[in-house]
N, C-alpha and C. Protein backbone atom coordinates (compact mmCIF):
# COMPACT_ATOMS: atom_id res chain seq x y z
N MET A 1 51.65 151.36 16.55
CA MET A 1 52.16 152.24 15.52
C MET A 1 52.51 153.60 16.16
N LYS A 2 53.69 154.09 15.92
CA LYS A 2 54.13 155.38 16.45
C LYS A 2 53.60 156.51 15.56
N ILE A 3 53.36 157.64 16.19
CA ILE A 3 52.87 158.81 15.46
C ILE A 3 53.97 159.42 14.60
N TYR A 4 55.20 159.28 15.03
CA TYR A 4 56.30 159.82 14.22
C TYR A 4 57.00 158.69 13.48
N THR A 5 57.34 158.99 12.23
CA THR A 5 58.00 157.98 11.39
C THR A 5 59.41 158.40 11.02
N LYS A 6 59.70 159.68 11.13
CA LYS A 6 60.99 160.27 10.77
C LYS A 6 61.24 160.28 9.26
N THR A 7 60.27 159.80 8.47
CA THR A 7 60.47 159.77 7.02
C THR A 7 60.32 161.14 6.38
N GLY A 8 59.77 162.11 7.12
CA GLY A 8 59.60 163.46 6.58
C GLY A 8 60.61 164.45 7.08
N ASP A 9 61.62 163.97 7.77
CA ASP A 9 62.59 164.87 8.39
C ASP A 9 63.41 165.68 7.40
N LYS A 10 63.43 165.28 6.15
CA LYS A 10 64.21 166.02 5.15
C LYS A 10 63.30 166.78 4.19
N GLY A 11 62.04 167.04 4.62
CA GLY A 11 61.15 167.87 3.83
C GLY A 11 60.38 167.15 2.74
N MET A 12 60.34 165.85 2.78
CA MET A 12 59.58 165.07 1.80
C MET A 12 58.52 164.26 2.54
N THR A 13 57.45 163.94 1.84
CA THR A 13 56.41 163.09 2.41
C THR A 13 55.85 162.20 1.31
N SER A 14 55.09 161.22 1.71
CA SER A 14 54.49 160.29 0.75
C SER A 14 53.02 160.60 0.56
N LEU A 15 52.61 160.57 -0.70
CA LEU A 15 51.19 160.63 -1.01
C LEU A 15 50.60 159.25 -0.83
N ILE A 16 49.28 159.18 -0.77
CA ILE A 16 48.63 157.87 -0.78
C ILE A 16 48.96 157.24 -2.12
N GLY A 17 49.54 156.09 -2.10
CA GLY A 17 50.03 155.45 -3.32
C GLY A 17 51.55 155.39 -3.35
N GLY A 18 52.20 156.06 -2.37
CA GLY A 18 53.64 155.89 -2.19
C GLY A 18 54.54 156.89 -2.87
N VAL A 19 54.04 157.76 -3.72
CA VAL A 19 54.88 158.74 -4.41
C VAL A 19 55.39 159.76 -3.38
N ARG A 20 56.70 160.04 -3.41
CA ARG A 20 57.30 161.02 -2.50
C ARG A 20 57.29 162.39 -3.17
N VAL A 21 56.90 163.40 -2.39
CA VAL A 21 56.83 164.77 -2.89
C VAL A 21 57.34 165.72 -1.81
N PRO A 22 57.79 166.92 -2.20
CA PRO A 22 58.21 167.91 -1.20
C PRO A 22 57.00 168.34 -0.36
N LYS A 23 57.26 168.62 0.90
CA LYS A 23 56.18 169.03 1.80
C LYS A 23 55.61 170.41 1.46
N ASN A 24 56.33 171.18 0.67
CA ASN A 24 55.81 172.48 0.27
C ASN A 24 55.24 172.47 -1.14
N SER A 25 54.93 171.31 -1.68
CA SER A 25 54.34 171.24 -3.01
C SER A 25 52.92 171.80 -2.98
N ILE A 26 52.43 172.20 -4.12
CA ILE A 26 51.08 172.76 -4.20
C ILE A 26 50.05 171.71 -3.80
N ARG A 27 50.33 170.45 -4.05
CA ARG A 27 49.40 169.39 -3.65
C ARG A 27 49.26 169.37 -2.12
N LEU A 28 50.38 169.45 -1.41
CA LEU A 28 50.30 169.47 0.05
C LEU A 28 49.70 170.77 0.57
N GLU A 29 50.00 171.87 -0.10
CA GLU A 29 49.37 173.14 0.27
C GLU A 29 47.86 173.04 0.14
N SER A 30 47.39 172.38 -0.91
CA SER A 30 45.95 172.29 -1.11
C SER A 30 45.29 171.44 -0.03
N TYR A 31 45.81 170.24 0.22
CA TYR A 31 45.12 169.43 1.24
C TYR A 31 45.46 169.86 2.65
N GLY A 32 46.58 170.53 2.84
CA GLY A 32 46.88 171.10 4.16
C GLY A 32 45.93 172.23 4.52
N THR A 33 45.56 173.02 3.53
CA THR A 33 44.61 174.10 3.76
C THR A 33 43.21 173.55 4.02
N VAL A 34 42.86 172.46 3.34
CA VAL A 34 41.59 171.78 3.62
C VAL A 34 41.58 171.27 5.06
N ASP A 35 42.71 170.75 5.52
CA ASP A 35 42.82 170.28 6.90
C ASP A 35 42.68 171.44 7.89
N GLU A 36 43.29 172.56 7.57
CA GLU A 36 43.17 173.76 8.42
C GLU A 36 41.70 174.18 8.52
N LEU A 37 41.01 174.19 7.38
CA LEU A 37 39.59 174.53 7.36
C LEU A 37 38.80 173.57 8.24
N ASN A 38 39.09 172.29 8.13
CA ASN A 38 38.39 171.28 8.92
C ASN A 38 38.57 171.55 10.42
N SER A 39 39.73 172.00 10.81
CA SER A 39 39.98 172.32 12.22
C SER A 39 39.12 173.50 12.68
N TYR A 40 38.97 174.50 11.83
CA TYR A 40 38.10 175.63 12.18
C TYR A 40 36.64 175.18 12.30
N LEU A 41 36.22 174.26 11.44
CA LEU A 41 34.85 173.76 11.54
C LEU A 41 34.66 173.01 12.86
N GLY A 42 35.69 172.30 13.29
CA GLY A 42 35.63 171.65 14.60
C GLY A 42 35.50 172.68 15.72
N MET A 43 36.18 173.80 15.58
CA MET A 43 36.07 174.88 16.56
C MET A 43 34.64 175.41 16.60
N ILE A 44 34.07 175.66 15.44
CA ILE A 44 32.69 176.16 15.36
C ILE A 44 31.74 175.14 16.01
N ARG A 45 31.96 173.88 15.73
CA ARG A 45 31.10 172.82 16.26
C ARG A 45 31.23 172.68 17.77
N SER A 46 32.32 173.16 18.33
CA SER A 46 32.52 173.05 19.78
C SER A 46 31.64 174.03 20.56
N TYR A 47 31.08 175.01 19.86
CA TYR A 47 30.16 175.96 20.48
C TYR A 47 28.75 175.35 20.49
N PRO A 48 27.90 175.84 21.39
CA PRO A 48 26.52 175.35 21.36
C PRO A 48 25.80 175.91 20.13
N VAL A 49 25.60 175.08 19.14
CA VAL A 49 24.88 175.47 17.93
C VAL A 49 23.67 174.55 17.77
N ASP A 50 22.75 174.98 16.94
CA ASP A 50 21.56 174.19 16.65
C ASP A 50 21.99 172.77 16.25
N PRO A 51 21.30 171.75 16.75
CA PRO A 51 21.67 170.36 16.40
C PRO A 51 21.68 170.09 14.90
N LEU A 52 20.80 170.75 14.15
CA LEU A 52 20.82 170.59 12.69
C LEU A 52 22.13 171.09 12.11
N VAL A 53 22.56 172.26 12.57
CA VAL A 53 23.83 172.83 12.10
C VAL A 53 25.00 171.94 12.53
N ALA A 54 24.97 171.48 13.77
CA ALA A 54 26.05 170.59 14.26
C ALA A 54 26.14 169.35 13.39
N GLY A 55 25.01 168.79 13.02
CA GLY A 55 25.00 167.62 12.14
C GLY A 55 25.54 167.93 10.76
N GLU A 56 25.18 169.10 10.24
CA GLU A 56 25.71 169.52 8.93
C GLU A 56 27.22 169.67 9.00
N LEU A 57 27.71 170.26 10.08
CA LEU A 57 29.15 170.46 10.22
C LEU A 57 29.90 169.13 10.30
N VAL A 58 29.35 168.15 10.99
CA VAL A 58 29.98 166.82 11.04
C VAL A 58 30.03 166.23 9.64
N GLU A 59 28.94 166.34 8.90
CA GLU A 59 28.89 165.84 7.52
C GLU A 59 29.92 166.55 6.66
N ILE A 60 30.00 167.87 6.78
CA ILE A 60 30.96 168.65 6.00
C ILE A 60 32.39 168.25 6.37
N GLN A 61 32.65 168.08 7.66
CA GLN A 61 34.00 167.68 8.08
C GLN A 61 34.37 166.32 7.47
N SER A 62 33.41 165.43 7.39
CA SER A 62 33.68 164.13 6.77
C SER A 62 33.97 164.29 5.29
N ARG A 63 33.20 165.16 4.61
CA ARG A 63 33.45 165.38 3.19
C ARG A 63 34.81 166.05 2.99
N LEU A 64 35.21 166.92 3.93
CA LEU A 64 36.53 167.53 3.80
C LEU A 64 37.64 166.50 3.97
N PHE A 65 37.42 165.49 4.78
CA PHE A 65 38.39 164.39 4.85
C PHE A 65 38.46 163.67 3.50
N ASP A 66 37.30 163.51 2.85
CA ASP A 66 37.30 162.92 1.50
C ASP A 66 38.09 163.78 0.53
N VAL A 67 37.85 165.11 0.58
CA VAL A 67 38.56 166.04 -0.30
C VAL A 67 40.06 165.96 -0.02
N GLY A 68 40.43 166.02 1.25
CA GLY A 68 41.86 165.95 1.60
C GLY A 68 42.48 164.64 1.17
N GLY A 69 41.78 163.55 1.39
CA GLY A 69 42.29 162.24 0.95
C GLY A 69 42.42 162.17 -0.55
N TYR A 70 41.44 162.70 -1.25
CA TYR A 70 41.49 162.74 -2.71
C TYR A 70 42.72 163.50 -3.18
N LEU A 71 42.93 164.69 -2.59
CA LEU A 71 44.07 165.52 -2.99
C LEU A 71 45.41 164.91 -2.58
N ALA A 72 45.41 164.10 -1.52
CA ALA A 72 46.65 163.48 -1.02
C ALA A 72 46.97 162.17 -1.74
N THR A 73 46.15 161.81 -2.70
CA THR A 73 46.34 160.55 -3.41
C THR A 73 47.11 160.77 -4.70
N ALA A 74 48.14 159.97 -4.90
CA ALA A 74 48.94 160.05 -6.12
C ALA A 74 48.03 159.80 -7.33
N PRO A 75 48.26 160.53 -8.42
CA PRO A 75 47.40 160.39 -9.60
C PRO A 75 47.24 158.95 -10.10
N GLN A 76 48.26 158.11 -9.91
CA GLN A 76 48.18 156.74 -10.42
C GLN A 76 47.39 155.80 -9.51
N ALA A 77 46.96 156.27 -8.35
CA ALA A 77 46.20 155.43 -7.41
C ALA A 77 44.70 155.65 -7.62
N ASP A 78 44.23 155.38 -8.84
CA ASP A 78 42.85 155.68 -9.23
C ASP A 78 41.80 155.01 -8.35
N GLN A 79 42.02 153.79 -7.93
CA GLN A 79 41.03 153.06 -7.14
C GLN A 79 40.74 153.77 -5.82
N VAL A 80 41.75 154.36 -5.22
CA VAL A 80 41.55 155.09 -3.97
C VAL A 80 40.73 156.35 -4.23
N LYS A 81 41.04 157.06 -5.32
CA LYS A 81 40.33 158.31 -5.62
C LYS A 81 38.84 158.08 -5.81
N ILE A 82 38.48 156.96 -6.39
CA ILE A 82 37.06 156.67 -6.61
C ILE A 82 36.32 156.64 -5.28
N ARG A 83 36.94 156.08 -4.25
CA ARG A 83 36.30 156.00 -2.93
C ARG A 83 36.25 157.36 -2.23
N LEU A 84 37.07 158.30 -2.63
CA LEU A 84 37.16 159.60 -1.95
C LEU A 84 36.50 160.73 -2.74
N GLU A 85 35.68 160.38 -3.69
CA GLU A 85 35.12 161.43 -4.55
C GLU A 85 34.01 162.21 -3.85
N ILE A 86 33.83 163.42 -4.34
CA ILE A 86 32.71 164.28 -3.95
C ILE A 86 31.63 164.05 -5.00
N ARG A 87 30.40 164.01 -4.56
CA ARG A 87 29.28 163.78 -5.47
C ARG A 87 28.43 165.04 -5.59
N GLU A 88 27.68 165.11 -6.65
CA GLU A 88 26.76 166.24 -6.86
C GLU A 88 25.79 166.35 -5.69
N SER A 89 25.41 165.23 -5.09
CA SER A 89 24.48 165.24 -3.95
C SER A 89 25.09 165.95 -2.74
N ASP A 90 26.41 165.91 -2.60
CA ASP A 90 27.08 166.63 -1.50
C ASP A 90 26.92 168.14 -1.71
N ILE A 91 27.03 168.58 -2.93
CA ILE A 91 26.87 170.00 -3.26
C ILE A 91 25.41 170.40 -3.06
N GLN A 92 24.51 169.52 -3.47
CA GLN A 92 23.07 169.78 -3.31
C GLN A 92 22.72 169.98 -1.83
N LYS A 93 23.31 169.19 -0.93
CA LYS A 93 23.06 169.34 0.51
C LYS A 93 23.49 170.72 0.99
N LEU A 94 24.62 171.19 0.51
CA LEU A 94 25.07 172.53 0.90
C LEU A 94 24.10 173.60 0.39
N GLU A 95 23.65 173.45 -0.85
CA GLU A 95 22.73 174.43 -1.43
C GLU A 95 21.40 174.45 -0.67
N GLU A 96 20.92 173.28 -0.29
CA GLU A 96 19.67 173.22 0.47
C GLU A 96 19.83 173.90 1.83
N ALA A 97 20.97 173.69 2.48
CA ALA A 97 21.24 174.33 3.77
C ALA A 97 21.35 175.84 3.61
N ILE A 98 22.02 176.28 2.56
CA ILE A 98 22.15 177.72 2.29
C ILE A 98 20.77 178.33 2.10
N ASP A 99 19.94 177.69 1.28
CA ASP A 99 18.59 178.21 1.02
C ASP A 99 17.77 178.26 2.31
N ARG A 100 17.88 177.23 3.13
CA ARG A 100 17.14 177.19 4.40
C ARG A 100 17.55 178.35 5.30
N MET A 101 18.87 178.55 5.44
CA MET A 101 19.36 179.63 6.31
C MET A 101 19.02 181.00 5.74
N GLU A 102 19.13 181.13 4.42
CA GLU A 102 18.86 182.42 3.79
C GLU A 102 17.41 182.85 4.01
N ALA A 103 16.50 181.88 4.05
CA ALA A 103 15.08 182.17 4.28
C ALA A 103 14.82 182.61 5.72
N GLN A 104 15.78 182.41 6.62
CA GLN A 104 15.60 182.71 8.04
C GLN A 104 16.26 184.00 8.49
N VAL A 105 16.95 184.68 7.58
CA VAL A 105 17.65 185.91 7.95
C VAL A 105 17.15 187.06 7.07
N PRO A 106 17.34 188.30 7.51
CA PRO A 106 16.93 189.43 6.67
C PRO A 106 17.70 189.43 5.35
N PRO A 107 17.08 189.95 4.30
CA PRO A 107 17.78 190.01 3.00
C PRO A 107 19.09 190.80 3.12
N LEU A 108 20.07 190.37 2.39
CA LEU A 108 21.38 191.03 2.40
C LEU A 108 21.34 192.20 1.43
N LYS A 109 21.57 193.41 1.95
CA LYS A 109 21.51 194.62 1.12
C LYS A 109 22.84 195.37 1.10
N TYR A 110 23.86 194.82 1.77
CA TYR A 110 25.15 195.49 1.86
C TYR A 110 26.21 194.46 2.21
N PHE A 111 27.48 194.84 2.04
CA PHE A 111 28.56 193.97 2.47
C PHE A 111 28.65 194.01 3.99
N VAL A 112 28.96 192.84 4.57
CA VAL A 112 29.03 192.70 6.02
C VAL A 112 30.49 192.62 6.44
N LEU A 113 30.86 193.41 7.46
CA LEU A 113 32.21 193.31 8.01
C LEU A 113 32.31 192.03 8.84
N PRO A 114 33.37 191.25 8.67
CA PRO A 114 33.52 190.03 9.47
C PRO A 114 33.58 190.37 10.95
N GLY A 115 32.96 189.54 11.75
CA GLY A 115 32.99 189.72 13.20
C GLY A 115 31.60 189.61 13.79
N GLY A 116 31.48 190.06 15.00
CA GLY A 116 30.20 190.03 15.72
C GLY A 116 30.40 189.45 17.10
N ASN A 117 30.72 188.21 17.17
CA ASN A 117 31.15 187.55 18.41
C ASN A 117 32.13 186.45 18.01
N GLN A 118 32.62 185.71 18.97
CA GLN A 118 33.65 184.73 18.67
C GLN A 118 33.18 183.66 17.69
N LEU A 119 31.99 183.12 17.90
CA LEU A 119 31.48 182.07 17.03
C LEU A 119 31.30 182.57 15.60
N VAL A 120 30.67 183.72 15.45
CA VAL A 120 30.46 184.29 14.12
C VAL A 120 31.81 184.60 13.47
N SER A 121 32.75 185.09 14.25
CA SER A 121 34.09 185.38 13.72
C SER A 121 34.77 184.11 13.21
N PHE A 122 34.62 183.01 13.94
CA PHE A 122 35.19 181.74 13.47
C PHE A 122 34.56 181.31 12.15
N CYS A 123 33.28 181.59 11.96
CA CYS A 123 32.65 181.28 10.67
C CYS A 123 33.30 182.08 9.54
N HIS A 124 33.57 183.37 9.82
CA HIS A 124 34.22 184.20 8.80
C HIS A 124 35.65 183.73 8.53
N ILE A 125 36.36 183.35 9.57
CA ILE A 125 37.72 182.82 9.37
C ILE A 125 37.65 181.54 8.54
N ALA A 126 36.73 180.65 8.89
CA ALA A 126 36.58 179.40 8.14
C ALA A 126 36.25 179.69 6.68
N ARG A 127 35.40 180.68 6.44
CA ARG A 127 35.05 181.05 5.06
C ARG A 127 36.28 181.49 4.28
N THR A 128 37.13 182.31 4.90
CA THR A 128 38.31 182.79 4.18
C THR A 128 39.33 181.68 3.98
N VAL A 129 39.46 180.78 4.94
CA VAL A 129 40.35 179.62 4.77
C VAL A 129 39.81 178.72 3.66
N CYS A 130 38.49 178.59 3.60
CA CYS A 130 37.87 177.80 2.53
C CYS A 130 38.20 178.40 1.16
N ARG A 131 38.11 179.71 1.06
CA ARG A 131 38.45 180.37 -0.21
C ARG A 131 39.92 180.14 -0.57
N ARG A 132 40.80 180.19 0.45
CA ARG A 132 42.22 179.93 0.18
C ARG A 132 42.41 178.48 -0.26
N ALA A 133 41.72 177.55 0.38
CA ALA A 133 41.82 176.14 -0.03
C ALA A 133 41.37 176.00 -1.48
N GLU A 134 40.30 176.68 -1.83
CA GLU A 134 39.82 176.63 -3.22
C GLU A 134 40.89 177.16 -4.17
N ARG A 135 41.55 178.25 -3.81
CA ARG A 135 42.60 178.80 -4.67
C ARG A 135 43.78 177.84 -4.79
N ARG A 136 44.17 177.20 -3.69
CA ARG A 136 45.28 176.24 -3.75
C ARG A 136 44.90 175.03 -4.62
N ILE A 137 43.65 174.60 -4.53
CA ILE A 137 43.18 173.49 -5.37
C ILE A 137 43.20 173.91 -6.83
N LEU A 138 42.78 175.14 -7.11
CA LEU A 138 42.84 175.63 -8.49
C LEU A 138 44.29 175.71 -8.97
N ASP A 139 45.22 176.10 -8.09
CA ASP A 139 46.64 176.07 -8.45
C ASP A 139 47.05 174.66 -8.84
N LEU A 140 46.58 173.68 -8.08
CA LEU A 140 46.93 172.28 -8.36
C LEU A 140 46.42 171.85 -9.72
N THR A 141 45.28 172.39 -10.16
CA THR A 141 44.75 171.99 -11.48
C THR A 141 45.70 172.37 -12.61
N GLY A 142 46.63 173.27 -12.34
CA GLY A 142 47.62 173.63 -13.35
C GLY A 142 48.66 172.54 -13.58
N GLU A 143 48.78 171.61 -12.63
CA GLU A 143 49.79 170.55 -12.80
C GLU A 143 49.22 169.14 -12.67
N ALA A 144 47.96 169.01 -12.26
CA ALA A 144 47.36 167.68 -12.11
C ALA A 144 45.86 167.79 -12.34
N GLU A 145 45.28 166.68 -12.74
CA GLU A 145 43.84 166.65 -12.93
C GLU A 145 43.15 166.63 -11.56
N VAL A 146 42.16 167.50 -11.41
CA VAL A 146 41.36 167.55 -10.18
C VAL A 146 39.90 167.50 -10.59
N ASP A 147 39.16 166.62 -9.95
CA ASP A 147 37.74 166.49 -10.24
C ASP A 147 37.07 167.85 -10.05
N GLU A 148 36.31 168.30 -11.05
CA GLU A 148 35.67 169.62 -10.98
C GLU A 148 34.66 169.71 -9.83
N LEU A 149 34.13 168.59 -9.38
CA LEU A 149 33.20 168.62 -8.26
C LEU A 149 33.90 169.00 -6.95
N VAL A 150 35.18 168.72 -6.85
CA VAL A 150 35.94 169.14 -5.67
C VAL A 150 35.99 170.66 -5.60
N VAL A 151 36.29 171.29 -6.72
CA VAL A 151 36.34 172.76 -6.78
C VAL A 151 34.95 173.33 -6.52
N LYS A 152 33.95 172.76 -7.13
CA LYS A 152 32.57 173.23 -6.96
C LYS A 152 32.13 173.09 -5.50
N TYR A 153 32.50 171.98 -4.85
CA TYR A 153 32.14 171.77 -3.45
C TYR A 153 32.78 172.84 -2.56
N MET A 154 34.05 173.12 -2.78
CA MET A 154 34.74 174.11 -1.97
C MET A 154 34.14 175.50 -2.18
N ASN A 155 33.77 175.82 -3.41
CA ASN A 155 33.15 177.10 -3.69
C ASN A 155 31.81 177.22 -2.97
N ARG A 156 31.01 176.19 -3.05
CA ARG A 156 29.71 176.21 -2.38
C ARG A 156 29.85 176.21 -0.87
N LEU A 157 30.88 175.53 -0.36
CA LEU A 157 31.11 175.50 1.08
C LEU A 157 31.41 176.90 1.62
N SER A 158 32.15 177.70 0.89
CA SER A 158 32.42 179.06 1.38
C SER A 158 31.12 179.86 1.43
N ASP A 159 30.22 179.63 0.48
CA ASP A 159 28.90 180.28 0.53
C ASP A 159 28.12 179.82 1.75
N TYR A 160 28.18 178.52 2.03
CA TYR A 160 27.51 177.96 3.22
C TYR A 160 28.05 178.64 4.49
N LEU A 161 29.37 178.78 4.58
CA LEU A 161 29.97 179.37 5.78
C LEU A 161 29.59 180.84 5.94
N PHE A 162 29.49 181.56 4.84
CA PHE A 162 29.03 182.95 4.93
C PHE A 162 27.59 182.99 5.45
N MET A 163 26.75 182.14 4.88
CA MET A 163 25.36 182.13 5.31
C MET A 163 25.25 181.66 6.75
N LEU A 164 26.09 180.72 7.16
CA LEU A 164 26.09 180.28 8.56
C LEU A 164 26.46 181.44 9.48
N SER A 165 27.41 182.27 9.07
CA SER A 165 27.77 183.43 9.90
C SER A 165 26.57 184.36 10.05
N ARG A 166 25.83 184.57 8.98
CA ARG A 166 24.65 185.43 9.04
C ARG A 166 23.57 184.81 9.91
N LYS A 167 23.36 183.51 9.77
CA LYS A 167 22.33 182.82 10.55
C LYS A 167 22.66 182.85 12.03
N LEU A 168 23.90 182.60 12.37
CA LEU A 168 24.30 182.63 13.78
C LEU A 168 24.21 184.05 14.34
N SER A 169 24.57 185.04 13.55
CA SER A 169 24.40 186.44 13.99
C SER A 169 22.94 186.71 14.28
N HIS A 170 22.09 186.28 13.39
CA HIS A 170 20.65 186.50 13.56
C HIS A 170 20.12 185.78 14.80
N ASP A 171 20.47 184.50 14.93
CA ASP A 171 19.98 183.70 16.06
C ASP A 171 20.44 184.25 17.40
N GLN A 172 21.68 184.77 17.43
CA GLN A 172 22.24 185.26 18.69
C GLN A 172 22.04 186.76 18.87
N GLN A 173 21.28 187.35 17.96
CA GLN A 173 20.99 188.79 18.00
C GLN A 173 22.26 189.63 18.05
N VAL A 174 23.21 189.23 17.23
CA VAL A 174 24.47 189.96 17.09
C VAL A 174 24.33 190.85 15.86
N GLU A 175 24.56 192.12 16.04
CA GLU A 175 24.42 193.05 14.93
C GLU A 175 25.46 192.79 13.86
N GLU A 176 25.01 192.74 12.60
CA GLU A 176 25.94 192.66 11.48
C GLU A 176 26.37 194.09 11.16
N LYS A 177 27.66 194.31 11.12
CA LYS A 177 28.18 195.65 10.84
C LYS A 177 28.27 195.84 9.33
N LYS A 178 27.64 196.88 8.86
CA LYS A 178 27.63 197.22 7.44
C LYS A 178 28.96 197.86 7.05
N TRP A 179 29.48 197.44 5.90
CA TRP A 179 30.66 198.09 5.34
C TRP A 179 30.24 199.43 4.76
N ILE A 180 30.93 200.48 5.19
CA ILE A 180 30.69 201.81 4.67
C ILE A 180 31.94 202.21 3.90
N PRO A 181 31.85 202.25 2.57
CA PRO A 181 33.05 202.54 1.77
C PRO A 181 33.55 203.97 1.97
N GLY A 182 34.83 204.15 1.77
CA GLY A 182 35.45 205.46 1.85
C GLY A 182 35.89 205.83 3.24
N ARG A 183 36.62 206.89 3.33
CA ARG A 183 37.12 207.39 4.63
C ARG A 183 36.08 208.28 5.25
N HIS A 184 35.90 208.16 6.55
CA HIS A 184 34.90 208.97 7.24
C HIS A 184 35.49 209.70 8.45
N ASP A 185 36.81 209.82 8.47
CA ASP A 185 37.47 210.48 9.61
C ASP A 185 37.99 211.87 9.23
N GLU A 186 37.62 212.33 8.07
CA GLU A 186 38.13 213.64 7.59
C GLU A 186 37.15 214.74 7.91
């Protein structure tokens, strides 16, 4: 099987189920952004991180493939969507990980500026891409039914990524820079 099919050369592509749609449709924007997020998680995983975190990231990447597949499936292909669903237990796993990490870092008393080192910065980038994916999925809900657990999972995942940035900063003794509102150069 060749990687190129030439069927998308005129700006159209097929959803799972065979329906042809423009490549710039909100449906493609939503699952394309999920794919972008998944790539950033792969980047984070390429760094030496705690094996528990690495395992969580692999699990999350697999769930993001489920989310992307779900979003890439034509509405009439219901049988496929059932296999690609997100479950409440997937959200529960994220919440448990967030709680575990939150217990290991100092309490948050201020807004944190994104950055610190490369790994922590990738967590912040992934978090913002996750938020964009969530917004694109919400845009899609205006024209198609989307399982509410997909939206809930993406929302919780951005919280996980923020907490992961804090945990990695703490573990690597990277100072979190506090946001100081207002101008201070006058």
